[in-house]
Amino acid sequence: MSLFKRVTFGKFKKFTKEEDLIEDKNLFINSKKVLLSYLLYEETEFDKLTEEQICDLDNLIKRELYNYNSLDIEDDDILYYAFYFFMFKFGLSIELISDQEKEELLTMDLSYENCKKMVLNIFDKYIEEMNNYWPDEIKVCYKERGFVSYCHCRENTIIKKDNSFLKVIRDYFLLDKGKFYYDDTRDNNLFNEIKIEMEKIYPELKEKYGMKKYLDKILGFLGYMPSDYSYDEVSKLLNNYDKQKNQKNKGEYITIKQKED
């Protein structure tokens, strides 16, 4: 079983058989073992837990969390990393959830169904922010939950009205940088469909929302930021788009000249 396989509640890709749900629930139990192991031993290896501790898992977690509040998750290293690893298994970053959600984590019964409700609500709110701030052209990306998780968990992307979506589209879909973390979890057929769509429209998105070509190349060359032109597959997409556009414009110009003659 992959180290990075997520507890998905059937939302990254649909469960197709009963064994999928059983595996997901087993992953969920393991995530709670890691949570308790870190709270007790500052250690993510839940093999350190005794059989008695595992049998009394929920009560021990409640006892360890009893005197904390939501602010402690940010200020207390043990608590922060305990929930960092816990939320990581759901494909979420503890840094991007609200104080109210942190308080809920500390006080609610951490059952599979309770966590499912809370986690899916966090995803839904994050997708709503994407819909509100990022352009309509990329809304198809939000159907692939691995992409949403990549933005939240791997990139810690705060959604705002800027062009930060270009980088995550490039990295996740064009370069498939999430493969190592999401290949076992996501719907790869859906991923490939969206990847093809993003390859088609990325040059237009870059032209409309991104920085100018030569500035991008210069900043990349100077080492200020990774440039799209640093990656052969992305550079090829952009250069082919420019070439086709120039040919089209040249053809239109000739047509106009012919009409004038």
C-alpha atoms as a PDB file:
ATOM      1  CA  MET A   1       0.000   0.000   0.000  1.00  0.00           C
ATOM      2  CA  SER A   2       1.430   3.360  -1.040  1.00  0.00           C
ATOM      3  CA  LEU A   3       2.694   5.634   1.729  1.00  0.00           C
ATOM      4  CA  PHE A   4       0.789   8.484   0.077  1.00  0.00           C
ATOM      5  CA  LYS A   5      -2.507   6.683  -0.515  1.00  0.00           C
ATOM      6  CA  ARG A   6      -5.285   8.885   0.808  1.00  0.00           C
ATOM      7  CA  VAL A   7      -8.446   8.347   2.780  1.00  0.00           C
ATOM      8  CA  THR A   8     -10.783   9.517   0.017  1.00  0.00           C
ATOM      9  CA  PHE A   9     -14.311   8.649   1.202  1.00  0.00           C
ATOM     10  CA  GLY A  10     -14.918   7.626  -2.422  1.00  0.00           C
ATOM     11  CA  LYS A  11     -14.572  11.174  -3.758  1.00  0.00           C
ATOM     12  CA  PHE A  12     -11.213  11.047  -5.550  1.00  0.00           C
ATOM     13  CA  LYS A  13     -12.427   8.107  -7.573  1.00  0.00           C
ATOM     14  CA  LYS A  14     -15.590   6.137  -7.018  1.00  0.00           C
ATOM     15  CA  PHE A  15     -15.543   2.942  -5.020  1.00  0.00           C
ATOM     16  CA  THR A  16     -16.375   0.122  -7.424  1.00  0.00           C
ATOM     17  CA  LYS A  17     -16.472  -2.748  -4.956  1.00  0.00           C
ATOM     18  CA  GLU A  18     -16.948  -3.337  -1.243  1.00  0.00           C
ATOM     19  CA  GLU A  19     -13.229  -3.944  -0.780  1.00  0.00           C
ATOM     20  CA  ASP A  20     -12.544  -0.314  -1.753  1.00  0.00           C
ATOM     21  CA  LEU A  21     -14.610   0.943   1.175  1.00  0.00           C
ATOM     22  CA  ILE A  22     -12.962  -1.546   3.540  1.00  0.00           C
ATOM     23  CA  GLU A  23      -9.499  -0.399   2.437  1.00  0.00           C
ATOM     24  CA  ASP A  24     -10.505   3.250   2.859  1.00  0.00           C
ATOM     25  CA  LYS A  25     -11.737   2.598   6.405  1.00  0.00           C
ATOM     26  CA  ASN A  26      -8.521   0.732   7.219  1.00  0.00           C
ATOM     27  CA  LEU A  27      -6.515   3.710   5.967  1.00  0.00           C
ATOM     28  CA  PHE A  28      -8.679   5.920   8.160  1.00  0.00           C
ATOM     29  CA  ILE A  29      -7.982   3.795  11.243  1.00  0.00           C
ATOM     30  CA  ASN A  30      -4.269   3.953  10.473  1.00  0.00           C
ATOM     31  CA  SER A  31      -4.487   7.753  10.266  1.00  0.00           C
ATOM     32  CA  LYS A  32      -5.955   7.799  13.790  1.00  0.00           C
ATOM     33  CA  LYS A  33      -3.191   5.508  14.997  1.00  0.00           C
ATOM     34  CA  VAL A  34      -0.632   7.959  13.616  1.00  0.00           C
ATOM     35  CA  LEU A  35      -2.471  10.808  15.342  1.00  0.00           C
ATOM     36  CA  LEU A  36      -2.354   9.056  18.722  1.00  0.00           C
ATOM     37  CA  SER A  37       1.200   7.866  18.220  1.00  0.00           C
ATOM     38  CA  TYR A  38       2.358  11.438  17.659  1.00  0.00           C
ATOM     39  CA  LEU A  39       0.360  12.769  20.609  1.00  0.00           C
ATOM     40  CA  LEU A  40       1.860  10.141  22.928  1.00  0.00           C
ATOM     41  CA  TYR A  41       5.358   9.655  21.557  1.00  0.00           C
ATOM     42  CA  GLU A  42       5.998  12.486  19.067  1.00  0.00           C
ATOM     43  CA  GLU A  43       6.405   9.709  16.569  1.00  0.00           C
ATOM     44  CA  THR A  44       4.446   8.861  13.409  1.00  0.00           C
ATOM     45  CA  GLU A  45       5.267   5.145  13.567  1.00  0.00           C
ATOM     46  CA  PHE A  46       2.062   3.799  15.044  1.00  0.00           C
ATOM     47  CA  ASP A  47       3.746   0.410  15.553  1.00  0.00           C
ATOM     48  CA  LYS A  48       4.873   1.867  18.876  1.00  0.00           C
ATOM     49  CA  LEU A  49       1.277   1.727  20.115  1.00  0.00           C
ATOM     50  CA  THR A  50       0.394  -1.228  22.295  1.00  0.00           C
ATOM     51  CA  GLU A  51      -2.570  -3.490  21.542  1.00  0.00           C
ATOM     52  CA  GLU A  52      -4.343  -2.012  24.545  1.00  0.00           C
ATOM     53  CA  GLN A  53      -3.829   1.527  23.248  1.00  0.00           C
ATOM     54  CA  ILE A  54      -5.117   0.555  19.818  1.00  0.00           C
ATOM     55  CA  CYS A  55      -8.222  -1.022  21.348  1.00  0.00           C
ATOM     56  CA  ASP A  56      -8.849   2.163  23.325  1.00  0.00           C
ATOM     57  CA  LEU A  57      -7.865   4.418  20.428  1.00  0.00           C
ATOM     58  CA  ASP A  58     -10.775   6.884  20.475  1.00  0.00           C
ATOM     59  CA  ASN A  59     -10.817   7.397  24.249  1.00  0.00           C
ATOM     60  CA  LEU A  60      -7.078   7.984  24.379  1.00  0.00           C
ATOM     61  CA  ILE A  61      -7.259  10.534  21.548  1.00  0.00           C
ATOM     62  CA  LYS A  62     -10.065  12.378  23.376  1.00  0.00           C
ATOM     63  CA  ARG A  63      -8.034  12.387  26.579  1.00  0.00           C
ATOM     64  CA  GLU A  64      -4.940  13.777  24.857  1.00  0.00           C
ATOM     65  CA  LEU A  65      -6.928  16.521  23.085  1.00  0.00           C
ATOM     66  CA  TYR A  66      -9.103  17.510  26.036  1.00  0.00           C
ATOM     67  CA  ASN A  67      -7.156  20.541  27.258  1.00  0.00           C
ATOM     68  CA  TYR A  68      -6.293  22.021  23.867  1.00  0.00           C
ATOM     69  CA  ASN A  69      -8.043  24.707  21.816  1.00  0.00           C
ATOM     70  CA  SER A  70      -7.829  25.700  18.158  1.00  0.00           C
ATOM     71  CA  LEU A  71      -5.010  28.215  18.713  1.00  0.00           C
ATOM     72  CA  ASP A  72      -2.856  25.471  20.200  1.00  0.00           C
ATOM     73  CA  ILE A  73      -2.738  23.721  16.820  1.00  0.00           C
ATOM     74  CA  GLU A  74      -0.679  26.642  15.546  1.00  0.00           C
ATOM     75  CA  ASP A  75       1.364  27.214  18.716  1.00  0.00           C
ATOM     76  CA  ASP A  76       2.037  23.729  20.047  1.00  0.00           C
ATOM     77  CA  ASP A  77       4.491  21.730  17.927  1.00  0.00           C
ATOM     78  CA  ILE A  78       3.242  18.330  19.067  1.00  0.00           C
ATOM     79  CA  LEU A  79      -0.382  19.147  18.340  1.00  0.00           C
ATOM     80  CA  TYR A  80       0.464  20.866  15.045  1.00  0.00           C
ATOM     81  CA  TYR A  81       2.386  17.919  13.639  1.00  0.00           C
ATOM     82  CA  ALA A  82      -0.126  15.402  14.983  1.00  0.00           C
ATOM     83  CA  PHE A  83      -2.860  17.077  12.941  1.00  0.00           C
ATOM     84  CA  TYR A  84      -0.518  17.861  10.057  1.00  0.00           C
ATOM     85  CA  PHE A  85      -0.046  14.133   9.466  1.00  0.00           C
ATOM     86  CA  PHE A  86      -3.714  13.391  10.195  1.00  0.00           C
ATOM     87  CA  MET A  87      -5.048  15.897   7.649  1.00  0.00           C
ATOM     88  CA  PHE A  88      -2.340  14.938   5.164  1.00  0.00           C
ATOM     89  CA  LYS A  89      -3.938  11.491   4.864  1.00  0.00           C
ATOM     90  CA  PHE A  90      -7.124  13.206   3.663  1.00  0.00           C
ATOM     91  CA  GLY A  91      -5.216  15.281   1.107  1.00  0.00           C
ATOM     92  CA  LEU A  92      -5.606  18.515   3.077  1.00  0.00           C
ATOM     93  CA  SER A  93      -3.256  20.994   4.747  1.00  0.00           C
ATOM     94  CA  ILE A  94      -3.817  21.856   8.405  1.00  0.00           C
ATOM     95  CA  GLU A  95      -2.536  25.354   7.572  1.00  0.00           C
ATOM     96  CA  LEU A  96      -5.470  26.222   5.310  1.00  0.00           C
ATOM     97  CA  ILE A  97      -8.397  25.168   7.471  1.00  0.00           C
ATOM     98  CA  SER A  98     -10.304  27.654   9.603  1.00  0.00           C
ATOM     99  CA  ASP A  99     -10.131  28.076  13.394  1.00  0.00           C
ATOM    100  CA  GLN A 100     -13.680  26.758  13.599  1.00  0.00           C
ATOM    101  CA  GLU A 101     -12.666  23.586  11.729  1.00  0.00           C
ATOM    102  CA  LYS A 102      -9.615  23.187  13.970  1.00  0.00           C
ATOM    103  CA  GLU A 103     -11.849  23.489  17.032  1.00  0.00           C
ATOM    104  CA  GLU A 104     -14.127  20.876  15.540  1.00  0.00           C
ATOM    105  CA  LEU A 105     -11.177  18.512  15.093  1.00  0.00           C
ATOM    106  CA  LEU A 106     -10.312  18.862  18.770  1.00  0.00           C
ATOM    107  CA  THR A 107     -13.809  18.256  20.108  1.00  0.00           C
ATOM    108  CA  MET A 108     -15.721  15.981  17.746  1.00  0.00           C
ATOM    109  CA  ASP A 109     -15.813  12.199  17.711  1.00  0.00           C
ATOM    110  CA  LEU A 110     -13.287  11.287  15.046  1.00  0.00           C
ATOM    111  CA  SER A 111     -15.426   8.600  13.438  1.00  0.00           C
ATOM    112  CA  TYR A 112     -15.190   7.754   9.744  1.00  0.00           C
ATOM    113  CA  GLU A 113     -18.574   9.366   9.025  1.00  0.00           C
ATOM    114  CA  ASN A 114     -17.873  12.521  11.065  1.00  0.00           C
ATOM    115  CA  CYS A 115     -14.507  13.046   9.409  1.00  0.00           C
ATOM    116  CA  LYS A 116     -16.032  12.348   5.997  1.00  0.00           C
ATOM    117  CA  LYS A 117     -18.582  15.109   6.521  1.00  0.00           C
ATOM    118  CA  MET A 118     -15.997  17.608   7.721  1.00  0.00           C
ATOM    119  CA  VAL A 119     -13.341  16.789   5.104  1.00  0.00           C
ATOM    120  CA  LEU A 120     -15.777  16.922   2.184  1.00  0.00           C
ATOM    121  CA  ASN A 121     -17.092  20.229   3.489  1.00  0.00           C
ATOM    122  CA  ILE A 122     -13.539  21.642   3.519  1.00  0.00           C
ATOM    123  CA  PHE A 123     -13.012  20.467  -0.061  1.00  0.00           C
ATOM    124  CA  ASP A 124     -16.352  21.953  -1.152  1.00  0.00           C
ATOM    125  CA  LYS A 125     -15.535  25.350   0.374  1.00  0.00           C
ATOM    126  CA  TYR A 126     -12.099  25.349  -1.244  1.00  0.00           C
ATOM    127  CA  ILE A 127     -13.583  24.507  -4.650  1.00  0.00           C
ATOM    128  CA  GLU A 128     -16.131  27.292  -4.161  1.00  0.00           C
ATOM    129  CA  GLU A 129     -13.245  29.727  -3.627  1.00  0.00           C
ATOM    130  CA  MET A 130     -11.618  28.439  -6.814  1.00  0.00           C
ATOM    131  CA  ASN A 131     -14.873  29.001  -8.698  1.00  0.00           C
ATOM    132  CA  ASN A 132     -15.158  32.541  -7.337  1.00  0.00           C
ATOM    133  CA  TYR A 133     -11.605  33.722  -7.966  1.00  0.00           C
ATOM    134  CA  TRP A 134     -10.100  31.691 -10.802  1.00  0.00           C
ATOM    135  CA  PRO A 135     -11.238  31.914 -14.452  1.00  0.00           C
ATOM    136  CA  ASP A 136     -14.104  29.896 -15.856  1.00  0.00           C
ATOM    137  CA  GLU A 137     -11.814  28.265 -18.428  1.00  0.00           C
ATOM    138  CA  ILE A 138     -10.295  25.963 -15.800  1.00  0.00           C
ATOM    139  CA  LYS A 139     -13.425  24.928 -13.900  1.00  0.00           C
ATOM    140  CA  VAL A 140     -13.170  21.447 -15.416  1.00  0.00           C
ATOM    141  CA  CYS A 141     -10.020  20.932 -13.304  1.00  0.00           C
ATOM    142  CA  TYR A 142     -11.981  20.952 -10.059  1.00  0.00           C
ATOM    143  CA  LYS A 143     -13.743  17.744 -11.056  1.00  0.00           C
ATOM    144  CA  GLU A 144     -10.461  15.922 -10.444  1.00  0.00           C
ATOM    145  CA  ARG A 145     -10.100  15.874  -6.678  1.00  0.00           C
ATOM    146  CA  GLY A 146      -6.381  15.106  -6.861  1.00  0.00           C
ATOM    147  CA  PHE A 147      -5.821  18.540  -8.403  1.00  0.00           C
ATOM    148  CA  VAL A 148      -7.794  20.232  -5.626  1.00  0.00           C
ATOM    149  CA  SER A 149      -5.820  18.314  -3.021  1.00  0.00           C
ATOM    150  CA  TYR A 150      -2.539  19.179  -4.763  1.00  0.00           C
ATOM    151  CA  CYS A 151      -3.386  22.880  -4.503  1.00  0.00           C
ATOM    152  CA  HIS A 152      -4.443  22.576  -0.845  1.00  0.00           C
ATOM    153  CA  CYS A 153      -2.030  20.000   0.542  1.00  0.00           C
ATOM    154  CA  ARG A 154       1.103  20.115  -1.618  1.00  0.00           C
ATOM    155  CA  GLU A 155       1.156  23.792  -2.610  1.00  0.00           C
ATOM    156  CA  ASN A 156      -0.749  25.416   0.286  1.00  0.00           C
ATOM    157  CA  THR A 157      -2.367  27.668  -2.297  1.00  0.00           C
ATOM    158  CA  ILE A 158      -4.407  30.521  -0.868  1.00  0.00           C
ATOM    159  CA  ILE A 159      -7.051  31.151  -3.517  1.00  0.00           C
ATOM    160  CA  LYS A 160      -7.211  34.765  -4.636  1.00  0.00           C
ATOM    161  CA  LYS A 161      -7.799  36.727  -7.801  1.00  0.00           C
ATOM    162  CA  ASP A 162      -4.378  36.392  -9.393  1.00  0.00           C
ATOM    163  CA  ASN A 163      -2.645  34.132 -11.897  1.00  0.00           C
ATOM    164  CA  SER A 164      -1.295  31.610  -9.369  1.00  0.00           C
ATOM    165  CA  PHE A 165      -3.551  29.011 -11.008  1.00  0.00           C
ATOM    166  CA  LEU A 166      -1.176  28.925 -13.994  1.00  0.00           C
ATOM    167  CA  LYS A 167       1.622  27.397 -11.941  1.00  0.00           C
ATOM    168  CA  VAL A 168      -0.529  24.661 -10.399  1.00  0.00           C
ATOM    169  CA  ILE A 169      -2.156  23.852 -13.770  1.00  0.00           C
ATOM    170  CA  ARG A 170       1.304  23.581 -15.301  1.00  0.00           C
ATOM    171  CA  ASP A 171       2.800  21.526 -12.495  1.00  0.00           C
ATOM    172  CA  TYR A 172      -0.127  19.186 -11.882  1.00  0.00           C
ATOM    173  CA  PHE A 173      -1.552  18.590 -15.345  1.00  0.00           C
ATOM    174  CA  LEU A 174       1.157  19.459 -17.866  1.00  0.00           C
ATOM    175  CA  LEU A 175       4.141  18.138 -15.897  1.00  0.00           C
ATOM    176  CA  ASP A 176       2.237  15.613 -13.750  1.00  0.00           C
ATOM    177  CA  LYS A 177       4.219  16.506 -10.630  1.00  0.00           C
ATOM    178  CA  GLY A 178       1.449  15.011  -8.517  1.00  0.00           C
ATOM    179  CA  LYS A 179       1.884  11.496  -9.950  1.00  0.00           C
ATOM    180  CA  PHE A 180       4.060  10.325  -7.063  1.00  0.00           C
ATOM    181  CA  TYR A 181       1.483  11.467  -4.505  1.00  0.00           C
ATOM    182  CA  TYR A 182      -1.839  10.837  -6.274  1.00  0.00           C
ATOM    183  CA  ASP A 183      -1.417   8.091  -8.861  1.00  0.00           C
ATOM    184  CA  ASP A 184      -2.858   5.411  -6.537  1.00  0.00           C
ATOM    185  CA  THR A 185      -5.710   7.635  -5.381  1.00  0.00           C
ATOM    186  CA  ARG A 186      -7.057   9.746  -8.234  1.00  0.00           C
ATOM    187  CA  ASP A 187      -9.249   8.874 -11.193  1.00  0.00           C
ATOM    188  CA  ASN A 188      -6.473   8.663 -13.778  1.00  0.00           C
ATOM    189  CA  ASN A 189      -8.880   8.473 -16.723  1.00  0.00           C
ATOM    190  CA  LEU A 190     -10.381  11.789 -15.660  1.00  0.00           C
ATOM    191  CA  PHE A 191      -6.897  13.185 -15.038  1.00  0.00           C
ATOM    192  CA  ASN A 192      -5.792  12.288 -18.573  1.00  0.00           C
ATOM    193  CA  GLU A 193      -8.912  13.836 -20.119  1.00  0.00           C
ATOM    194  CA  ILE A 194      -8.324  17.122 -18.309  1.00  0.00           C
ATOM    195  CA  LYS A 195      -4.597  17.003 -19.047  1.00  0.00           C
ATOM    196  CA  ILE A 196      -5.367  16.901 -22.787  1.00  0.00           C
ATOM    197  CA  GLU A 197      -7.782  19.829 -22.409  1.00  0.00           C
ATOM    198  CA  MET A 198      -5.251  21.884 -20.427  1.00  0.00           C
ATOM    199  CA  GLU A 199      -2.523  21.197 -22.999  1.00  0.00           C
ATOM    200  CA  LYS A 200      -4.844  22.686 -25.622  1.00  0.00           C
ATOM    201  CA  ILE A 201      -5.755  25.853 -23.745  1.00  0.00           C
ATOM    202  CA  TYR A 202      -2.686  26.528 -21.574  1.00  0.00           C
ATOM    203  CA  PRO A 203      -0.962  28.760 -24.157  1.00  0.00           C
ATOM    204  CA  GLU A 204      -4.119  30.886 -24.376  1.00  0.00           C
ATOM    205  CA  LEU A 205      -4.378  31.035 -20.592  1.00  0.00           C
ATOM    206  CA  LYS A 206      -0.712  32.029 -20.423  1.00  0.00           C
ATOM    207  CA  GLU A 207      -1.229  34.741 -23.035  1.00  0.00           C
ATOM    208  CA  LYS A 208      -4.354  36.074 -21.336  1.00  0.00           C
ATOM    209  CA  TYR A 209      -3.347  35.895 -17.671  1.00  0.00           C
ATOM    210  CA  GLY A 210       0.410  35.297 -17.489  1.00  0.00           C
ATOM    211  CA  MET A 211       3.489  37.442 -17.876  1.00  0.00           C
ATOM    212  CA  LYS A 212       4.983  38.330 -21.227  1.00  0.00           C
ATOM    213  CA  LYS A 213       7.080  35.705 -22.974  1.00  0.00           C
ATOM    214  CA  TYR A 214      10.417  37.506 -22.869  1.00  0.00           C
ATOM    215  CA  LEU A 215      10.044  38.639 -19.269  1.00  0.00           C
ATOM    216  CA  ASP A 216       9.208  35.046 -18.291  1.00  0.00           C
ATOM    217  CA  LYS A 217      12.333  33.790 -20.052  1.00  0.00           C
ATOM    218  CA  ILE A 218      14.580  36.465 -18.537  1.00  0.00           C
ATOM    219  CA  LEU A 219      13.352  35.928 -14.963  1.00  0.00           C
ATOM    220  CA  GLY A 220      13.734  32.177 -15.393  1.00  0.00           C
ATOM    221  CA  PHE A 221      17.247  32.591 -16.790  1.00  0.00           C
ATOM    222  CA  LEU A 222      18.226  34.859 -13.889  1.00  0.00           C
ATOM    223  CA  GLY A 223      16.886  32.310 -11.401  1.00  0.00           C
ATOM    224  CA  TYR A 224      14.138  34.464  -9.907  1.00  0.00           C
ATOM    225  CA  MET A 225      11.467  31.856 -10.589  1.00  0.00           C
ATOM    226  CA  PRO A 226      10.968  28.639 -12.563  1.00  0.00           C
ATOM    227  CA  SER A 227       9.992  29.617 -16.093  1.00  0.00           C
ATOM    228  CA  ASP A 228       7.548  27.757 -18.318  1.00  0.00           C
ATOM    229  CA  TYR A 229      10.384  27.746 -20.839  1.00  0.00           C
ATOM    230  CA  SER A 230      12.543  25.741 -18.437  1.00  0.00           C
ATOM    231  CA  TYR A 231      10.384  22.681 -19.167  1.00  0.00           C
ATOM    232  CA  ASP A 232      10.669  21.191 -22.650  1.00  0.00           C
ATOM    233  CA  GLU A 233       7.067  19.946 -22.828  1.00  0.00           C
ATOM    234  CA  VAL A 234       5.628  23.316 -21.771  1.00  0.00           C
ATOM    235  CA  SER A 235       8.050  25.323 -23.888  1.00  0.00           C
ATOM    236  CA  LYS A 236       7.060  23.246 -26.913  1.00  0.00           C
ATOM    237  CA  LEU A 237       3.360  23.942 -26.319  1.00  0.00           C
ATOM    238  CA  LEU A 238       3.957  27.682 -26.052  1.00  0.00           C
ATOM    239  CA  ASN A 239       6.308  27.879 -29.029  1.00  0.00           C
ATOM    240  CA  ASN A 240       3.943  25.878 -31.252  1.00  0.00           C
ATOM    241  CA  TYR A 241       1.110  28.188 -30.253  1.00  0.00           C
ATOM    242  CA  ASP A 242       3.197  31.274 -31.114  1.00  0.00           C
ATOM    243  CA  LYS A 243       4.209  29.728 -34.436  1.00  0.00           C
ATOM    244  CA  GLN A 244       0.625  28.894 -35.408  1.00  0.00           C
ATOM    245  CA  LYS A 245      -0.549  32.318 -34.340  1.00  0.00           C
ATOM    246  CA  ASN A 246       2.164  34.046 -36.365  1.00  0.00           C
ATOM    247  CA  GLN A 247       1.330  31.947 -39.422  1.00  0.00           C
ATOM    248  CA  LYS A 248      -2.345  32.772 -39.062  1.00  0.00           C
ATOM    249  CA  ASN A 249      -1.650  36.479 -38.684  1.00  0.00           C
ATOM    250  CA  LYS A 250       0.711  36.410 -41.649  1.00  0.00           C
ATOM    251  CA  GLY A 251      -1.933  34.646 -43.743  1.00  0.00           C
ATOM    252  CA  GLU A 252      -4.548  37.214 -42.797  1.00  0.00           C
ATOM    253  CA  TYR A 253      -2.132  39.998 -43.666  1.00  0.00           C
ATOM    254  CA  ILE A 254      -1.477  38.503 -47.116  1.00  0.00           C
ATOM    255  CA  THR A 255      -5.188  38.141 -47.714  1.00  0.00           C
ATOM    256  CA  ILE A 256      -5.736  41.808 -46.848  1.00  0.00           C
ATOM    257  CA  LYS A 257      -2.853  42.855 -49.152  1.00  0.00           C
ATOM    258  CA  GLN A 258      -4.280  40.739 -51.970  1.00  0.00           C
ATOM    259  CA  LYS A 259      -7.658  42.413 -51.549  1.00  0.00           C
ATOM    260  CA  GLU A 260      -6.010  45.831 -51.622  1.00  0.00           C
ATOM    261  CA  ASP A 261      -4.211  44.935 -54.864  1.00  0.00           C
END
